[in-house]
Amino acid sequence: MTIRTALRRRTLITAVVGAMLPITAHAADFVAKIGHLESAQQTRNQMLEKVAALVKERTNGEVEFELYPQGQLGNQREMNEGVQLGTLEATVSPAAFLGGFNPAVSILDIPYLLPDDPKKSVELTNGPFGQAVCDSFSAFGVTCLGLWPNGQKSFTSNKPIASIDDFAGQKFRVMDSNILIEQFKSIGASAIPIDFGELYTSLQTGVVDGEENPLDTIKNMKFYEVQKHLLVSNHGAMEDVILFNPAFWESLPEKDRTIISDAFEEVIPDMIAHKTAAVDAALETIKENGVDVKVASDAEKASLREKMYPAARDAYVAKVGDAGQTLIDTYETEYKKVMAE
């Protein structure tokens, strides 16, 4: 046998054996488990999938996100604690679910806090005001990367709600929040804290007359089956807060941290578009089921804001104290700038 023939045989054997071995992908240097409460089909998870793909591509596979939607890793409180302790690398939570964890973030519960124009709203939450909200989380052992827009709330009721005067004497379900209770008091209504899981039955049996939620939630939970009227008011921002474990975040190379932060910001236009499409489809479903729908005019929204914002703001400051007043001052300064542009 010649040397050339022997080498050919050895090469062939090596190739065959190599083909029989399992192909092992390059393992990521950093893997972040990210938990949240929405389903895999909803806007938050869809955008997290986009972010995960961008991060994996731009870090050349060094950083990977593993997504756990629909409360697979626990309720929001458990996920917050996991991020604090480092048993979970990150969570993306509605700000409304974080007030007990960080009272300062409850500023986002204040009605008509953000402009109706999505671009102006993002400008406000991406600027000094949004940064101040994020900075408030550092005292609670988590790192906030930013805010994500995830829709706006509207009102439904079994009684007419076509004007401010119609709210007087009605009972509305709210989360357990003094800010939201004062919001309704300011327009003559009363607010009753009720667990979300009990809301459908409470509407059906008349425990409360109405509620507030994003249109896609109203559709998904079929509240239109037990409500006669809808006012598309867009009065309450549903902002998501992106929280990472500080030790994990600081362990990442600076270039990777930049890539991740940029990716979260980059998908915001897609997030707004996805949420808008979901809301539009939800509104059609609600109309098709016989609900009386009124879309509030700009003038009507301004009238609602004039009454609701000061009452809710004062309740927020009373709850949070000096830190809350400082955040309100930053907000009002930046709001004026954004609205003047």
Protein backbone atom coordinates (compact mmCIF):
# COMPACT_ATOMS: atom_id res chain seq x y z
CA MET A 1 0.00 0.00 0.00
CA THR A 2 1.41 3.38 -0.94
CA ILE A 3 1.61 6.26 1.53
CA ARG A 4 -0.89 8.19 -0.64
CA THR A 5 -3.42 5.32 -0.49
CA ALA A 6 -3.03 5.01 3.28
CA LEU A 7 -3.62 8.70 3.75
CA ARG A 8 -6.75 8.52 1.58
CA ARG A 9 -8.13 5.65 3.69
CA ARG A 10 -7.36 7.46 6.94
CA THR A 11 -9.08 10.60 5.66
CA LEU A 12 -12.15 8.58 4.61
CA ILE A 13 -12.38 6.84 8.01
CA THR A 14 -12.05 10.16 9.82
CA ALA A 15 -14.82 11.66 7.71
CA VAL A 16 -17.16 8.70 8.32
CA VAL A 17 -16.55 8.67 12.07
CA GLY A 18 -16.99 12.44 12.20
CA ALA A 19 -20.32 12.16 10.42
CA MET A 20 -21.52 9.63 13.00
CA LEU A 21 -20.73 11.88 15.99
CA PRO A 22 -23.39 14.31 17.30
CA ILE A 23 -23.00 17.91 16.23
CA THR A 24 -22.49 20.08 19.30
CA ALA A 25 -23.38 23.76 18.95
CA HIS A 26 -21.14 26.37 20.51
CA ALA A 27 -22.45 27.02 24.00
CA ALA A 28 -23.22 30.61 24.87
CA ASP A 29 -20.91 32.29 27.39
CA PHE A 30 -23.90 33.96 29.09
CA VAL A 31 -27.47 32.62 29.27
CA ALA A 32 -30.25 34.80 30.68
CA LYS A 33 -33.53 33.28 31.74
CA ILE A 34 -36.25 35.91 31.32
CA GLY A 35 -39.65 35.35 32.90
CA HIS A 36 -42.89 37.26 32.36
CA LEU A 37 -46.66 36.86 32.63
CA GLU A 38 -48.05 37.33 29.10
CA SER A 39 -48.73 34.42 26.76
CA ALA A 40 -46.34 33.48 23.98
CA GLN A 41 -48.66 35.05 21.39
CA GLN A 42 -48.94 38.45 23.06
CA THR A 43 -46.92 41.56 22.31
CA ARG A 44 -44.39 41.35 25.15
CA ASN A 45 -43.23 37.83 24.30
CA GLN A 46 -43.21 38.49 20.57
CA MET A 47 -40.88 41.46 21.10
CA LEU A 48 -38.70 39.52 23.53
CA GLU A 49 -38.22 36.92 20.82
CA LYS A 50 -37.03 39.68 18.47
CA VAL A 51 -34.65 41.02 21.10
CA ALA A 52 -33.31 37.52 21.78
CA ALA A 53 -32.60 36.97 18.08
CA LEU A 54 -30.83 40.34 17.75
CA VAL A 55 -28.72 39.74 20.84
CA LYS A 56 -27.67 36.25 19.79
CA GLU A 57 -26.73 37.45 16.31
CA ARG A 58 -24.87 40.60 17.37
CA THR A 59 -22.93 38.91 20.18
CA ASN A 60 -22.01 36.03 17.85
CA GLY A 61 -23.80 33.63 20.16
CA GLU A 62 -21.98 34.77 23.30
CA VAL A 63 -25.28 35.84 24.93
CA GLU A 64 -28.57 33.94 24.69
CA PHE A 65 -31.97 34.64 26.17
CA GLU A 66 -34.24 31.82 27.30
CA LEU A 67 -37.84 33.05 27.48
CA TYR A 68 -40.40 31.77 29.97
CA PRO A 69 -43.81 33.36 29.27
CA GLN A 70 -47.16 32.99 31.01
CA GLY A 71 -45.85 32.78 34.57
CA GLN A 72 -43.86 29.59 34.02
CA LEU A 73 -41.33 30.79 36.59
CA GLY A 74 -43.89 32.00 39.13
CA ASN A 75 -46.04 35.04 39.77
CA GLN A 76 -44.58 38.52 39.34
CA ARG A 77 -43.57 38.86 42.97
CA GLU A 78 -41.69 35.57 42.82
CA MET A 79 -39.93 36.61 39.63
CA ASN A 80 -38.96 39.99 41.14
CA GLU A 81 -37.44 38.18 44.12
CA GLY A 82 -35.67 35.77 41.78
CA VAL A 83 -34.05 38.68 39.95
CA GLN A 84 -33.01 40.20 43.28
CA LEU A 85 -31.48 36.94 44.50
CA GLY A 86 -29.90 35.98 41.18
CA THR A 87 -31.89 32.77 40.67
CA LEU A 88 -33.45 34.51 37.65
CA GLU A 89 -31.47 36.78 35.34
CA ALA A 90 -34.30 39.04 34.21
CA THR A 91 -38.03 39.76 34.13
CA VAL A 92 -40.22 42.12 32.13
CA SER A 93 -43.15 43.29 34.21
CA PRO A 94 -46.05 45.72 33.91
CA ALA A 95 -45.25 48.76 36.05
CA ALA A 96 -48.66 48.35 37.69
CA PHE A 97 -47.45 45.07 39.24
CA LEU A 98 -44.33 46.64 40.76
CA GLY A 99 -45.74 49.30 43.09
CA GLY A 100 -45.43 47.06 46.15
CA PHE A 101 -41.84 46.29 45.17
CA ASN A 102 -40.82 49.88 44.35
CA PRO A 103 -43.44 52.51 45.31
CA ALA A 104 -41.83 55.17 43.10
CA VAL A 105 -42.78 53.32 39.90
CA SER A 106 -46.46 53.82 40.76
CA ILE A 107 -46.10 57.20 39.07
CA LEU A 108 -46.92 55.29 35.89
CA ASP A 109 -50.39 54.52 37.33
CA ILE A 110 -51.32 58.19 37.17
CA PRO A 111 -53.97 58.75 34.46
CA TYR A 112 -53.00 60.69 31.35
CA LEU A 113 -49.36 60.72 32.44
CA LEU A 114 -48.05 60.05 28.94
CA PRO A 115 -48.94 61.83 25.69
CA ASP A 116 -51.43 60.16 23.36
CA ASP A 117 -48.91 60.45 20.50
CA PRO A 118 -46.76 57.27 20.67
CA LYS A 119 -43.63 59.09 19.48
CA LYS A 120 -43.92 61.77 22.15
CA SER A 121 -44.70 59.13 24.75
CA VAL A 122 -41.55 57.15 23.88
CA GLU A 123 -39.52 60.36 23.85
CA LEU A 124 -40.68 61.01 27.41
CA THR A 125 -40.04 57.48 28.70
CA ASN A 126 -36.66 57.27 26.93
CA GLY A 127 -35.51 60.64 28.26
CA PRO A 128 -34.60 62.00 31.71
CA PHE A 129 -38.01 61.10 33.16
CA GLY A 130 -37.80 57.45 32.10
CA GLN A 131 -34.22 57.28 33.32
CA ALA A 132 -35.28 58.66 36.71
CA VAL A 133 -37.97 55.97 36.97
CA CYS A 134 -35.37 53.32 36.11
CA ASP A 135 -32.85 54.73 38.58
CA SER A 136 -35.41 54.36 41.38
CA PHE A 137 -35.04 50.56 41.13
CA SER A 138 -31.35 50.52 42.09
CA ALA A 139 -32.24 50.79 45.80
CA PHE A 140 -34.19 47.53 45.52
CA GLY A 141 -31.37 45.32 44.25
CA VAL A 142 -32.25 45.20 40.55
CA THR A 143 -31.01 46.92 37.41
CA CYS A 144 -33.62 48.62 35.22
CA LEU A 145 -32.73 48.77 31.53
CA GLY A 146 -35.71 50.82 30.42
CA LEU A 147 -39.44 51.08 29.82
CA TRP A 148 -41.44 49.41 27.07
CA PRO A 149 -44.84 50.70 25.81
CA ASN A 150 -47.44 47.95 26.06
CA GLY A 151 -50.76 49.68 25.46
CA GLN A 152 -53.24 51.98 27.20
CA LYS A 153 -56.33 51.46 29.31
CA SER A 154 -59.93 52.35 28.47
CA PHE A 155 -63.18 52.26 30.45
CA THR A 156 -66.12 49.86 30.19
CA SER A 157 -69.38 49.89 32.14
CA ASN A 158 -72.92 48.55 32.18
CA LYS A 159 -74.06 52.16 32.50
CA PRO A 160 -73.45 54.97 29.99
CA ILE A 161 -69.97 56.56 30.15
CA ALA A 162 -70.14 58.90 27.18
CA SER A 163 -69.27 61.98 29.26
CA ILE A 164 -67.53 62.84 32.52
CA ASP A 165 -70.90 63.43 34.19
CA ASP A 166 -71.93 59.84 33.43
CA PHE A 167 -69.28 58.46 35.80
CA ALA A 168 -70.90 59.98 38.88
CA GLY A 169 -72.24 57.33 41.25
CA GLN A 170 -70.82 54.38 39.34
CA LYS A 171 -68.64 51.67 40.88
CA PHE A 172 -65.44 50.58 39.11
CA ARG A 173 -63.07 47.75 39.81
CA VAL A 174 -59.43 48.73 40.34
CA MET A 175 -56.22 47.11 41.45
CA ASP A 176 -55.45 47.84 45.11
CA SER A 177 -54.02 51.32 44.52
CA ASN A 178 -54.84 54.64 46.20
CA ILE A 179 -53.79 56.38 43.02
CA LEU A 180 -56.49 54.59 41.01
CA ILE A 181 -59.06 55.06 43.77
CA GLU A 182 -58.45 58.83 43.71
CA GLN A 183 -58.58 58.77 39.92
CA PHE A 184 -62.19 57.63 40.08
CA LYS A 185 -63.13 59.83 43.03
CA SER A 186 -62.09 62.87 41.02
CA ILE A 187 -64.91 62.20 38.53
CA GLY A 188 -67.52 61.25 41.08
CA ALA A 189 -67.19 57.47 40.84
CA SER A 190 -66.16 54.99 43.51
CA ALA A 191 -63.45 52.36 43.14
CA ILE A 192 -63.44 48.87 44.62
CA PRO A 193 -60.25 46.74 44.67
CA ILE A 194 -61.10 43.28 43.28
CA ASP A 195 -58.79 40.46 42.26
CA PHE A 196 -58.47 40.23 38.47
CA GLY A 197 -59.58 36.60 38.48
CA GLU A 198 -62.89 37.63 40.06
CA LEU A 199 -63.57 40.56 37.73
CA TYR A 200 -65.73 38.82 35.12
CA THR A 201 -68.14 37.48 37.76
CA SER A 202 -68.16 40.84 39.58
CA LEU A 203 -69.21 42.59 36.38
CA GLN A 204 -71.76 39.90 35.61
CA THR A 205 -73.40 40.07 39.04
CA GLY A 206 -73.26 43.84 39.44
CA VAL A 207 -70.77 43.98 42.29
CA VAL A 208 -69.21 46.73 40.18
CA ASP A 209 -70.58 48.60 37.17
CA GLY A 210 -67.37 48.80 35.21
CA GLU A 211 -63.61 48.42 34.92
CA GLU A 212 -60.51 49.73 33.13
CA ASN A 213 -58.20 47.67 30.95
CA PRO A 214 -56.48 47.68 27.56
CA LEU A 215 -58.83 46.79 24.70
CA ASP A 216 -57.04 43.54 23.91
CA THR A 217 -57.41 42.46 27.55
CA ILE A 218 -61.12 43.33 27.43
CA LYS A 219 -61.41 41.17 24.34
CA ASN A 220 -59.25 38.27 25.57
CA MET A 221 -61.06 38.09 28.92
CA LYS A 222 -64.44 38.45 27.16
CA PHE A 223 -65.51 41.32 29.41
CA TYR A 224 -67.57 42.51 26.44
CA GLU A 225 -69.98 39.68 27.28
CA VAL A 226 -70.89 41.37 30.57
CA GLN A 227 -70.44 45.07 29.67
CA LYS A 228 -72.68 47.30 27.58
CA HIS A 229 -70.56 50.43 27.08
CA LEU A 230 -66.96 51.18 26.13
CA LEU A 231 -65.21 54.55 26.22
CA VAL A 232 -61.93 54.43 24.31
CA SER A 233 -60.17 56.89 26.59
CA ASN A 234 -56.52 55.79 26.44
CA HIS A 235 -56.19 57.23 29.94
CA GLY A 236 -53.78 54.77 31.55
CA ALA A 237 -50.35 53.83 30.27
CA MET A 238 -49.44 50.15 30.46
CA GLU A 239 -45.66 50.45 30.56
CA ASP A 240 -43.42 47.42 30.95
CA VAL A 241 -40.27 47.63 33.06
CA ILE A 242 -37.18 45.63 32.02
CA LEU A 243 -35.32 44.38 35.10
CA PHE A 244 -32.02 42.46 35.27
CA ASN A 245 -30.09 40.94 38.14
CA PRO A 246 -27.22 43.40 38.83
CA ALA A 247 -24.53 40.73 39.26
CA PHE A 248 -25.45 39.09 35.96
CA TRP A 249 -25.64 42.44 34.19
CA GLU A 250 -22.24 43.57 35.47
CA SER A 251 -20.70 40.21 34.51
CA LEU A 252 -21.41 40.92 30.84
CA PRO A 253 -18.74 42.60 28.72
CA GLU A 254 -19.55 46.26 28.12
CA LYS A 255 -20.02 45.66 24.40
CA ASP A 256 -22.67 43.03 25.14
CA ARG A 257 -24.47 45.29 27.58
CA THR A 258 -24.63 47.93 24.87
CA ILE A 259 -25.94 45.43 22.32
CA ILE A 260 -28.68 44.28 24.72
CA SER A 261 -29.77 47.82 25.67
CA ASP A 262 -29.82 48.88 22.01
CA ALA A 263 -31.86 45.81 21.02
CA PHE A 264 -34.55 46.51 23.62
CA GLU A 265 -34.84 50.08 22.35
CA GLU A 266 -34.68 49.12 18.68
CA VAL A 267 -37.81 46.96 18.75
CA ILE A 268 -40.03 49.65 20.32
CA PRO A 269 -41.55 50.73 16.95
CA ASP A 270 -42.38 47.07 16.21
CA MET A 271 -43.85 46.74 19.70
CA ILE A 272 -46.12 49.73 19.14
CA ALA A 273 -47.20 48.41 15.73
CA HIS A 274 -47.90 44.91 17.10
CA LYS A 275 -49.90 46.28 20.04
CA THR A 276 -51.83 48.67 17.79
CA ALA A 277 -52.84 45.81 15.49
CA ALA A 278 -53.97 43.74 18.48
CA VAL A 279 -55.98 46.66 19.86
CA ASP A 280 -57.62 47.37 16.49
CA ALA A 281 -58.63 43.73 16.12
CA ALA A 282 -59.96 43.71 19.69
CA LEU A 283 -62.07 46.80 19.07
CA GLU A 284 -63.71 45.15 16.07
CA THR A 285 -64.54 42.06 18.14
CA ILE A 286 -66.02 44.23 20.89
CA LYS A 287 -68.17 46.14 18.38
CA GLU A 288 -69.32 42.92 16.73
CA ASN A 289 -70.62 41.74 20.11
CA GLY A 290 -72.99 44.66 20.44
CA VAL A 291 -71.11 46.90 22.87
CA ASP A 292 -71.87 50.61 22.53
CA VAL A 293 -68.50 52.16 21.64
CA LYS A 294 -67.52 55.81 21.98
CA VAL A 295 -64.05 57.11 21.14
CA ALA A 296 -63.14 60.07 23.35
CA SER A 297 -62.17 63.22 21.45
CA ASP A 298 -58.98 65.14 22.24
CA ALA A 299 -61.10 67.74 24.05
CA GLU A 300 -62.81 65.05 26.14
CA LYS A 301 -59.46 63.48 27.04
CA ALA A 302 -58.17 66.90 28.08
CA SER A 303 -61.22 67.37 30.33
CA LEU A 304 -60.68 63.97 31.92
CA ARG A 305 -56.99 64.73 32.46
CA GLU A 306 -57.79 68.08 34.05
CA LYS A 307 -59.81 66.35 36.77
CA MET A 308 -58.02 63.02 37.14
CA TYR A 309 -54.34 63.88 36.91
CA PRO A 310 -54.07 66.28 39.91
CA ALA A 311 -55.99 63.97 42.26
CA ALA A 312 -53.94 60.92 41.30
CA ARG A 313 -50.68 62.89 41.40
CA ASP A 314 -51.37 64.11 44.93
CA ALA A 315 -52.22 60.57 46.06
CA TYR A 316 -48.92 59.37 44.57
CA VAL A 317 -46.85 62.02 46.37
CA ALA A 318 -48.67 61.31 49.64
CA LYS A 319 -47.72 57.65 49.28
CA VAL A 320 -44.11 58.00 48.13
CA GLY A 321 -43.04 61.23 49.83
CA ASP A 322 -40.09 63.42 48.83
CA ALA A 323 -38.77 60.89 46.31
CA GLY A 324 -42.17 60.91 44.64
CA GLN A 325 -42.28 64.71 44.52
CA THR A 326 -38.82 64.78 42.93
CA LEU A 327 -39.95 62.32 40.28
CA ILE A 328 -43.12 64.35 39.65
CA ASP A 329 -41.03 67.51 39.23
CA THR A 330 -38.81 65.76 36.67
CA TYR A 331 -41.87 64.41 34.87
CA GLU A 332 -43.69 67.75 34.66
CA THR A 333 -40.57 69.54 33.37
CA GLU A 334 -39.95 66.92 30.68
CA TYR A 335 -43.66 66.64 29.79
CA LYS A 336 -43.81 70.37 29.02
CA LYS A 337 -40.71 70.10 26.82
CA VAL A 338 -42.09 67.14 24.86
CA MET A 339 -45.52 68.67 24.37
CA ALA A 340 -44.00 72.00 23.22
CA GLU A 341 -42.11 70.37 20.35
